[in-house]
Structure formats: structure tokens, C-alpha cells
Amino acid sequence: MIKSALPQIISQTTFDNGVSWQIFVAAELDFFKGHFDEQPVLPGVTQLDWAIQLGSKAFGYEPTVATLEVLKFQQLLLPNTHVELVISHNPDKAKLTFHYQDGDKRFASGRIAFDTSGIESQQSLTKDS
């Protein structure tokens, strides 16, 4: 089993309700092993994990996902690729919208809704004390 590990982050930029990361997807990453022998491809589950890990940290969520919405994988992400991960935040709905891109080329996109029930319960207990 491969443990969650983030890619090499070249830079990070913050904008209104969002963050973008310039990422280098190195061929040496364990995620490419066995996926596939003829042409290694970064698994979609890895792309999703990176969006969840970076997004939850950037916007203060526990990385506990309630639902995934409109998840699409448009292009294969190959080894030794520079890519931008852009995540926008909708705090009213506890959702992040993400996409991986290189200029006009989109690799993957979707929305992540976080499970905030633990946070809401914690806030309720704090208010009642």
C-alpha cells in the first residue's frame, strides 16, 4: 500500500477565496509504479488525495470528505510534468473546487465537500460551556 505523500511544490499563490500551487510530478514517485508499464500515468486517486490534503490544510478543514461532486479526469497526467493545482473555497458550503491545469490544458477537476459535523459539534459544546 502506498501512503499519502505530497508532490514537489515549486510555488504557492493565494488569491481571493483560493490558492494555487505549481507542482512538479516527478517520474520517481511511487504512485507511478504499476500504473501502467507501457506508459506510467498518475492515478486519479492520487490527484484527488493531493487536492484534499492541500485544500484541507489551506482552508482549515479536517481531511474528512463527505462527498465528491462532478469529478472528471480529462487528460492523462504523465511523469515529469509541471502542473498547476488551483483550489477555490466556498466557505458557506464547506466545499472546495479544484482543477489541475497547464495553461489551457485541463487534467482533472471536481468539488470536494468536507464533513464538518465534528467541527460543528465541537463548536456547539464550546458555546454551551
C-alpha atoms as a PDB file:
ATOM      1  CA  MET A   1       0.000   0.000   0.000  1.00  0.00           C
ATOM      2  CA  ILE A   2       1.278   3.469  -0.891  1.00  0.00           C
ATOM      3  CA  LYS A   3       0.962   6.093   1.821  1.00  0.00           C
ATOM      4  CA  SER A   4      -0.280   9.587   1.088  1.00  0.00           C
ATOM      5  CA  ALA A   5       2.607  11.853   0.110  1.00  0.00           C
ATOM      6  CA  LEU A   6       2.533  15.263  -1.485  1.00  0.00           C
ATOM      7  CA  PRO A   7       4.379  16.105  -4.702  1.00  0.00           C
ATOM      8  CA  GLN A   8       7.196  18.612  -5.063  1.00  0.00           C
ATOM      9  CA  ILE A   9       5.660  22.076  -4.709  1.00  0.00           C
ATOM     10  CA  ILE A  10       7.517  24.710  -6.689  1.00  0.00           C
ATOM     11  CA  SER A  11       5.450  27.714  -5.576  1.00  0.00           C
ATOM     12  CA  GLN A  12       2.174  28.722  -3.970  1.00  0.00           C
ATOM     13  CA  THR A  13      -0.031  31.727  -4.755  1.00  0.00           C
ATOM     14  CA  THR A  14      -3.006  32.930  -2.727  1.00  0.00           C
ATOM     15  CA  PHE A  15      -5.925  34.766  -4.336  1.00  0.00           C
ATOM     16  CA  ASP A  16      -9.469  35.758  -3.261  1.00  0.00           C
ATOM     17  CA  ASN A  17     -11.047  32.579  -1.825  1.00  0.00           C
ATOM     18  CA  GLY A  18      -8.376  30.334  -3.280  1.00  0.00           C
ATOM     19  CA  VAL A  19      -4.855  29.054  -3.602  1.00  0.00           C
ATOM     20  CA  SER A  20      -2.821  27.695  -6.496  1.00  0.00           C
ATOM     21  CA  TRP A  21       0.264  25.512  -6.362  1.00  0.00           C
ATOM     22  CA  GLN A  22       2.829  24.964  -9.098  1.00  0.00           C
ATOM     23  CA  ILE A  23       3.697  21.272  -8.823  1.00  0.00           C
ATOM     24  CA  PHE A  24       6.329  19.064 -10.390  1.00  0.00           C
ATOM     25  CA  VAL A  25       5.139  15.468 -10.827  1.00  0.00           C
ATOM     26  CA  ALA A  26       8.437  13.570 -10.748  1.00  0.00           C
ATOM     27  CA  ALA A  27       8.778  10.226 -12.525  1.00  0.00           C
ATOM     28  CA  GLU A  28      10.300   8.720  -9.367  1.00  0.00           C
ATOM     29  CA  LEU A  29       7.060   8.959  -7.365  1.00  0.00           C
ATOM     30  CA  ASP A  30       5.873   5.576  -6.073  1.00  0.00           C
ATOM     31  CA  PHE A  31       2.403   6.358  -7.452  1.00  0.00           C
ATOM     32  CA  PHE A  32       3.601   5.554 -10.974  1.00  0.00           C
ATOM     33  CA  LYS A  33       4.760   2.029 -10.113  1.00  0.00           C
ATOM     34  CA  GLY A  34       2.482  -0.486 -11.829  1.00  0.00           C
ATOM     35  CA  HIS A  35       0.205   2.197 -13.255  1.00  0.00           C
ATOM     36  CA  PHE A  36       0.984   1.345 -16.210  1.00  0.00           C
ATOM     37  CA  ASP A  37       4.068  -0.442 -17.541  1.00  0.00           C
ATOM     38  CA  GLU A  38       3.769   0.818 -21.142  1.00  0.00           C
ATOM     39  CA  GLN A  39       3.123   4.452 -20.167  1.00  0.00           C
ATOM     40  CA  PRO A  40       3.149   5.465 -16.492  1.00  0.00           C
ATOM     41  CA  VAL A  41       0.148   7.614 -15.539  1.00  0.00           C
ATOM     42  CA  LEU A  42      -0.528   9.437 -12.271  1.00  0.00           C
ATOM     43  CA  PRO A  43      -3.603   7.739 -10.779  1.00  0.00           C
ATOM     44  CA  GLY A  44      -6.724   9.859 -10.381  1.00  0.00           C
ATOM     45  CA  VAL A  45      -6.982   8.820  -6.736  1.00  0.00           C
ATOM     46  CA  THR A  46      -3.549  10.392  -6.152  1.00  0.00           C
ATOM     47  CA  GLN A  47      -4.616  13.638  -7.817  1.00  0.00           C
ATOM     48  CA  LEU A  48      -7.707  13.661  -5.620  1.00  0.00           C
ATOM     49  CA  ASP A  49      -5.658  12.934  -2.490  1.00  0.00           C
ATOM     50  CA  TRP A  50      -3.343  15.867  -3.231  1.00  0.00           C
ATOM     51  CA  ALA A  51      -6.310  18.220  -3.692  1.00  0.00           C
ATOM     52  CA  ILE A  52      -7.859  17.016  -0.419  1.00  0.00           C
ATOM     53  CA  GLN A  53      -4.601  17.240   1.555  1.00  0.00           C
ATOM     54  CA  LEU A  54      -3.518  20.650   0.248  1.00  0.00           C
ATOM     55  CA  GLY A  55      -7.033  22.114   0.257  1.00  0.00           C
ATOM     56  CA  SER A  56      -7.953  20.959   3.754  1.00  0.00           C
ATOM     57  CA  LYS A  57      -4.708  22.354   5.134  1.00  0.00           C
ATOM     58  CA  ALA A  58      -5.025  25.674   3.277  1.00  0.00           C
ATOM     59  CA  PHE A  59      -8.615  26.281   4.410  1.00  0.00           C
ATOM     60  CA  GLY A  60      -8.560  24.724   7.881  1.00  0.00           C
ATOM     61  CA  TYR A  61     -10.628  21.568   7.345  1.00  0.00           C
ATOM     62  CA  GLU A  62     -10.017  18.107   8.696  1.00  0.00           C
ATOM     63  CA  PRO A  63      -9.318  15.950   5.613  1.00  0.00           C
ATOM     64  CA  THR A  64     -12.607  14.075   6.088  1.00  0.00           C
ATOM     65  CA  VAL A  65     -14.586  14.107   2.856  1.00  0.00           C
ATOM     66  CA  ALA A  66     -18.402  13.991   2.917  1.00  0.00           C
ATOM     67  CA  THR A  67     -18.927  13.831  -0.860  1.00  0.00           C
ATOM     68  CA  LEU A  68     -17.153  14.243  -4.181  1.00  0.00           C
ATOM     69  CA  GLU A  69     -19.005  16.066  -6.936  1.00  0.00           C
ATOM     70  CA  VAL A  70     -18.532  16.475 -10.701  1.00  0.00           C
ATOM     71  CA  LEU A  71     -15.240  14.594 -10.600  1.00  0.00           C
ATOM     72  CA  LYS A  72     -13.643  14.484 -14.072  1.00  0.00           C
ATOM     73  CA  PHE A  73     -10.321  13.279 -15.404  1.00  0.00           C
ATOM     74  CA  GLN A  74      -9.856  14.904 -18.816  1.00  0.00           C
ATOM     75  CA  GLN A  75      -6.195  14.243 -19.691  1.00  0.00           C
ATOM     76  CA  LEU A  76      -3.564  11.802 -18.505  1.00  0.00           C
ATOM     77  CA  LEU A  77      -1.021  13.265 -16.090  1.00  0.00           C
ATOM     78  CA  LEU A  78       2.340  11.823 -17.124  1.00  0.00           C
ATOM     79  CA  PRO A  79       5.694  11.644 -15.304  1.00  0.00           C
ATOM     80  CA  ASN A  80       7.975  14.689 -15.219  1.00  0.00           C
ATOM     81  CA  THR A  81       5.116  17.126 -15.777  1.00  0.00           C
ATOM     82  CA  HIS A  82       4.768  20.621 -14.378  1.00  0.00           C
ATOM     83  CA  VAL A  83       1.155  21.317 -13.486  1.00  0.00           C
ATOM     84  CA  GLU A  84      -0.850  23.900 -11.562  1.00  0.00           C
ATOM     85  CA  LEU A  85      -3.360  22.820  -8.925  1.00  0.00           C
ATOM     86  CA  VAL A  86      -5.957  25.562  -8.370  1.00  0.00           C
ATOM     87  CA  ILE A  87      -8.389  25.308  -5.458  1.00  0.00           C
ATOM     88  CA  SER A  88     -11.255  27.730  -4.811  1.00  0.00           C
ATOM     89  CA  HIS A  89     -13.077  27.820  -1.470  1.00  0.00           C
ATOM     90  CA  ASN A  90     -16.816  28.145  -0.808  1.00  0.00           C
ATOM     91  CA  PRO A  91     -16.879  28.547   2.997  1.00  0.00           C
ATOM     92  CA  ASP A  92     -20.701  28.714   3.217  1.00  0.00           C
ATOM     93  CA  LYS A  93     -20.952  25.158   1.903  1.00  0.00           C
ATOM     94  CA  ALA A  94     -17.613  23.809   3.223  1.00  0.00           C
ATOM     95  CA  LYS A  95     -16.659  22.943  -0.360  1.00  0.00           C
ATOM     96  CA  LEU A  96     -13.544  23.250  -2.456  1.00  0.00           C
ATOM     97  CA  THR A  97     -13.496  23.295  -6.244  1.00  0.00           C
ATOM     98  CA  PHE A  98     -10.235  22.121  -7.752  1.00  0.00           C
ATOM     99  CA  HIS A  99      -8.609  21.646 -11.123  1.00  0.00           C
ATOM    100  CA  TYR A 100      -5.217  20.620 -12.433  1.00  0.00           C
ATOM    101  CA  GLN A 101      -4.066  22.574 -15.469  1.00  0.00           C
ATOM    102  CA  ASP A 102      -1.176  23.512 -17.664  1.00  0.00           C
ATOM    103  CA  GLY A 103      -2.251  26.665 -19.485  1.00  0.00           C
ATOM    104  CA  ASP A 104      -5.444  25.789 -21.370  1.00  0.00           C
ATOM    105  CA  LYS A 105      -4.932  22.055 -20.873  1.00  0.00           C
ATOM    106  CA  ARG A 106      -7.088  20.568 -18.078  1.00  0.00           C
ATOM    107  CA  PHE A 107      -6.085  17.293 -16.456  1.00  0.00           C
ATOM    108  CA  ALA A 108      -8.692  16.849 -13.722  1.00  0.00           C
ATOM    109  CA  SER A 109     -11.367  18.780 -11.853  1.00  0.00           C
ATOM    110  CA  GLY A 110     -14.078  18.380  -9.254  1.00  0.00           C
ATOM    111  CA  ARG A 111     -15.627  19.544  -5.999  1.00  0.00           C
ATOM    112  CA  ILE A 112     -14.865  18.278  -2.519  1.00  0.00           C
ATOM    113  CA  ALA A 113     -17.424  18.672   0.272  1.00  0.00           C
ATOM    114  CA  PHE A 114     -15.933  18.209   3.722  1.00  0.00           C
ATOM    115  CA  ASP A 115     -17.625  16.556   6.677  1.00  0.00           C
ATOM    116  CA  THR A 116     -17.860  19.397   9.196  1.00  0.00           C
ATOM    117  CA  SER A 117     -20.154  17.601  11.678  1.00  0.00           C
ATOM    118  CA  GLY A 118     -17.264  17.084  14.107  1.00  0.00           C
ATOM    119  CA  ILE A 119     -16.359  20.763  13.939  1.00  0.00           C
ATOM    120  CA  GLU A 120     -19.981  21.857  14.419  1.00  0.00           C
ATOM    121  CA  SER A 121     -20.365  19.500  17.417  1.00  0.00           C
ATOM    122  CA  GLN A 122     -17.148  20.881  18.925  1.00  0.00           C
ATOM    123  CA  GLN A 123     -18.353  24.482  18.428  1.00  0.00           C
ATOM    124  CA  SER A 124     -21.728  23.626  19.996  1.00  0.00           C
ATOM    125  CA  LEU A 125     -20.030  22.129  23.058  1.00  0.00           C
ATOM    126  CA  THR A 126     -17.813  25.204  23.411  1.00  0.00           C
ATOM    127  CA  LYS A 127     -20.812  27.578  23.232  1.00  0.00           C
ATOM    128  CA  ASP A 128     -22.763  25.551  25.841  1.00  0.00           C
ATOM    129  CA  SER A 129     -19.874  25.603  28.345  1.00  0.00           C
END
